[in-house]
Amino acid sequence: VGTGSTSSSSSSSPASNLGTTVPAGEMQSWAHDYLISNGYTEADFTAANFIISHESGWSPTAMNPSGAYGLPQALPGSKMASVGADWQT
């Protein structure tokens, strides 16, 4: 979702093979704008999108049987409490 391939076959970098990601939806748009405004690149957003899409499908409440939780599938999910009491929502 939200990806379009623009990668060049002349580069051997795995990140360059992801193409360029166009934010799809409110959460991806927020993440994109946040990263760009904090000095990250479009390639950084594309890589983050690739990982989050595979880990949680962009569901902030995604949970798997191992107990991994949230967008990044933190394990255990409760370790995210160190950045906020509302880590589950």
C-alpha atoms as a PDB file:
ATOM      1  CA  VAL A   1       0.000   0.000   0.000  1.00  0.00           C
ATOM      2  CA  GLY A   2       1.361   3.404  -0.890  1.00  0.00           C
ATOM      3  CA  THR A   3       4.462   2.235  -2.704  1.00  0.00           C
ATOM      4  CA  GLY A   4       5.646   2.806  -6.235  1.00  0.00           C
ATOM      5  CA  SER A   5       8.860   1.360  -7.553  1.00  0.00           C
ATOM      6  CA  THR A   6      11.398   3.863  -8.802  1.00  0.00           C
ATOM      7  CA  SER A   7      14.519   1.909  -7.916  1.00  0.00           C
ATOM      8  CA  SER A   8      17.483   1.795 -10.213  1.00  0.00           C
ATOM      9  CA  SER A   9      19.114  -1.491 -11.108  1.00  0.00           C
ATOM     10  CA  SER A  10      22.542   0.165 -11.016  1.00  0.00           C
ATOM     11  CA  SER A  11      22.566   0.421  -7.210  1.00  0.00           C
ATOM     12  CA  SER A  12      23.465  -2.496  -4.992  1.00  0.00           C
ATOM     13  CA  SER A  13      22.032  -0.941  -1.814  1.00  0.00           C
ATOM     14  CA  PRO A  14      19.082  -2.959  -0.448  1.00  0.00           C
ATOM     15  CA  ALA A  15      17.321   0.261   0.620  1.00  0.00           C
ATOM     16  CA  SER A  16      17.403   1.554  -2.944  1.00  0.00           C
ATOM     17  CA  ASN A  17      15.460  -1.517  -4.044  1.00  0.00           C
ATOM     18  CA  LEU A  18      12.413  -0.420  -2.045  1.00  0.00           C
ATOM     19  CA  GLY A  19      11.495   2.361  -4.464  1.00  0.00           C
ATOM     20  CA  THR A  20       9.812   5.510  -3.224  1.00  0.00           C
ATOM     21  CA  THR A  21       6.856   5.435  -0.872  1.00  0.00           C
ATOM     22  CA  VAL A  22       3.975   7.857  -1.095  1.00  0.00           C
ATOM     23  CA  PRO A  23       2.151   8.065   2.255  1.00  0.00           C
ATOM     24  CA  ALA A  24      -1.233   6.328   2.177  1.00  0.00           C
ATOM     25  CA  GLY A  25      -3.603   7.379   4.915  1.00  0.00           C
ATOM     26  CA  GLU A  26      -3.472   9.620   7.940  1.00  0.00           C
ATOM     27  CA  MET A  27      -1.024   7.588  10.026  1.00  0.00           C
ATOM     28  CA  GLN A  28       1.504   7.178   7.209  1.00  0.00           C
ATOM     29  CA  SER A  29       1.196  10.883   6.377  1.00  0.00           C
ATOM     30  CA  TRP A  30       1.882  11.781  10.010  1.00  0.00           C
ATOM     31  CA  ALA A  31       4.892   9.452  10.161  1.00  0.00           C
ATOM     32  CA  HIS A  32       6.230  10.814   6.866  1.00  0.00           C
ATOM     33  CA  ASP A  33       5.893  14.441   7.943  1.00  0.00           C
ATOM     34  CA  TYR A  34       7.408  13.696  11.355  1.00  0.00           C
ATOM     35  CA  LEU A  35      10.457  11.974   9.896  1.00  0.00           C
ATOM     36  CA  ILE A  36      11.061  14.613   7.219  1.00  0.00           C
ATOM     37  CA  SER A  37      10.699  17.493   9.698  1.00  0.00           C
ATOM     38  CA  ASN A  38      13.241  15.795  11.989  1.00  0.00           C
ATOM     39  CA  GLY A  39      15.977  15.461   9.391  1.00  0.00           C
ATOM     40  CA  TYR A  40      15.222  12.044   7.952  1.00  0.00           C
ATOM     41  CA  THR A  41      14.985  11.396   4.216  1.00  0.00           C
ATOM     42  CA  GLU A  42      12.366  10.008   1.858  1.00  0.00           C
ATOM     43  CA  ALA A  43      14.446   6.813   1.766  1.00  0.00           C
ATOM     44  CA  ASP A  44      14.219   6.606   5.569  1.00  0.00           C
ATOM     45  CA  PHE A  45      10.431   6.870   5.392  1.00  0.00           C
ATOM     46  CA  THR A  46      10.301   4.239   2.656  1.00  0.00           C
ATOM     47  CA  ALA A  47      12.361   1.855   4.790  1.00  0.00           C
ATOM     48  CA  ALA A  48      10.238   2.545   7.888  1.00  0.00           C
ATOM     49  CA  ASN A  49       7.071   2.007   5.857  1.00  0.00           C
ATOM     50  CA  PHE A  50       8.397  -1.312   4.552  1.00  0.00           C
ATOM     51  CA  ILE A  51       9.154  -2.565   8.062  1.00  0.00           C
ATOM     52  CA  ILE A  52       5.939  -1.317   9.701  1.00  0.00           C
ATOM     53  CA  SER A  53       3.795  -2.642   6.849  1.00  0.00           C
ATOM     54  CA  HIS A  54       5.262  -6.106   7.347  1.00  0.00           C
ATOM     55  CA  GLU A  55       5.304  -6.039  11.139  1.00  0.00           C
ATOM     56  CA  SER A  56       1.865  -4.628  11.969  1.00  0.00           C
ATOM     57  CA  GLY A  57       0.145  -3.498   8.788  1.00  0.00           C
ATOM     58  CA  TRP A  58       0.136   0.037  10.289  1.00  0.00           C
ATOM     59  CA  SER A  59      -2.177  -1.060  13.121  1.00  0.00           C
ATOM     60  CA  PRO A  60      -1.038   0.612  16.363  1.00  0.00           C
ATOM     61  CA  THR A  61      -2.812  -2.094  18.365  1.00  0.00           C
ATOM     62  CA  ALA A  62      -1.477  -5.092  16.408  1.00  0.00           C
ATOM     63  CA  MET A  63      -0.530  -7.974  18.679  1.00  0.00           C
ATOM     64  CA  ASN A  64       0.825 -11.392  17.823  1.00  0.00           C
ATOM     65  CA  PRO A  65       0.809 -14.590  19.921  1.00  0.00           C
ATOM     66  CA  SER A  66       4.339 -13.922  21.210  1.00  0.00           C
ATOM     67  CA  GLY A  67       3.110 -10.704  22.837  1.00  0.00           C
ATOM     68  CA  ALA A  68       4.779  -8.352  20.343  1.00  0.00           C
ATOM     69  CA  TYR A  69       2.684  -5.190  20.195  1.00  0.00           C
ATOM     70  CA  GLY A  70       2.102  -2.025  18.217  1.00  0.00           C
ATOM     71  CA  LEU A  71       3.416  -0.625  14.953  1.00  0.00           C
ATOM     72  CA  PRO A  72       6.972  -1.883  15.479  1.00  0.00           C
ATOM     73  CA  GLN A  73       5.873  -5.135  17.155  1.00  0.00           C
ATOM     74  CA  ALA A  74       7.919  -4.386  20.268  1.00  0.00           C
ATOM     75  CA  LEU A  75       8.562  -7.465  22.380  1.00  0.00           C
ATOM     76  CA  PRO A  76       7.472  -7.321  25.086  1.00  0.00           C
ATOM     77  CA  GLY A  77       5.018  -4.597  24.219  1.00  0.00           C
ATOM     78  CA  SER A  78       5.120  -3.292  27.775  1.00  0.00           C
ATOM     79  CA  LYS A  79       8.646  -1.932  27.216  1.00  0.00           C
ATOM     80  CA  MET A  80       6.979   0.923  25.303  1.00  0.00           C
ATOM     81  CA  ALA A  81       5.587   2.136  28.656  1.00  0.00           C
ATOM     82  CA  SER A  82       8.932   3.865  29.185  1.00  0.00           C
ATOM     83  CA  VAL A  83       7.882   6.499  26.630  1.00  0.00           C
ATOM     84  CA  GLY A  84       4.293   6.950  27.784  1.00  0.00           C
ATOM     85  CA  ALA A  85       1.604   5.474  29.972  1.00  0.00           C
ATOM     86  CA  ASP A  86      -0.730   5.390  26.946  1.00  0.00           C
ATOM     87  CA  TRP A  87       1.517   2.991  24.999  1.00  0.00           C
ATOM     88  CA  GLN A  88      -1.370   0.604  24.239  1.00  0.00           C
ATOM     89  CA  THR A  89      -3.487   3.261  22.589  1.00  0.00           C
END
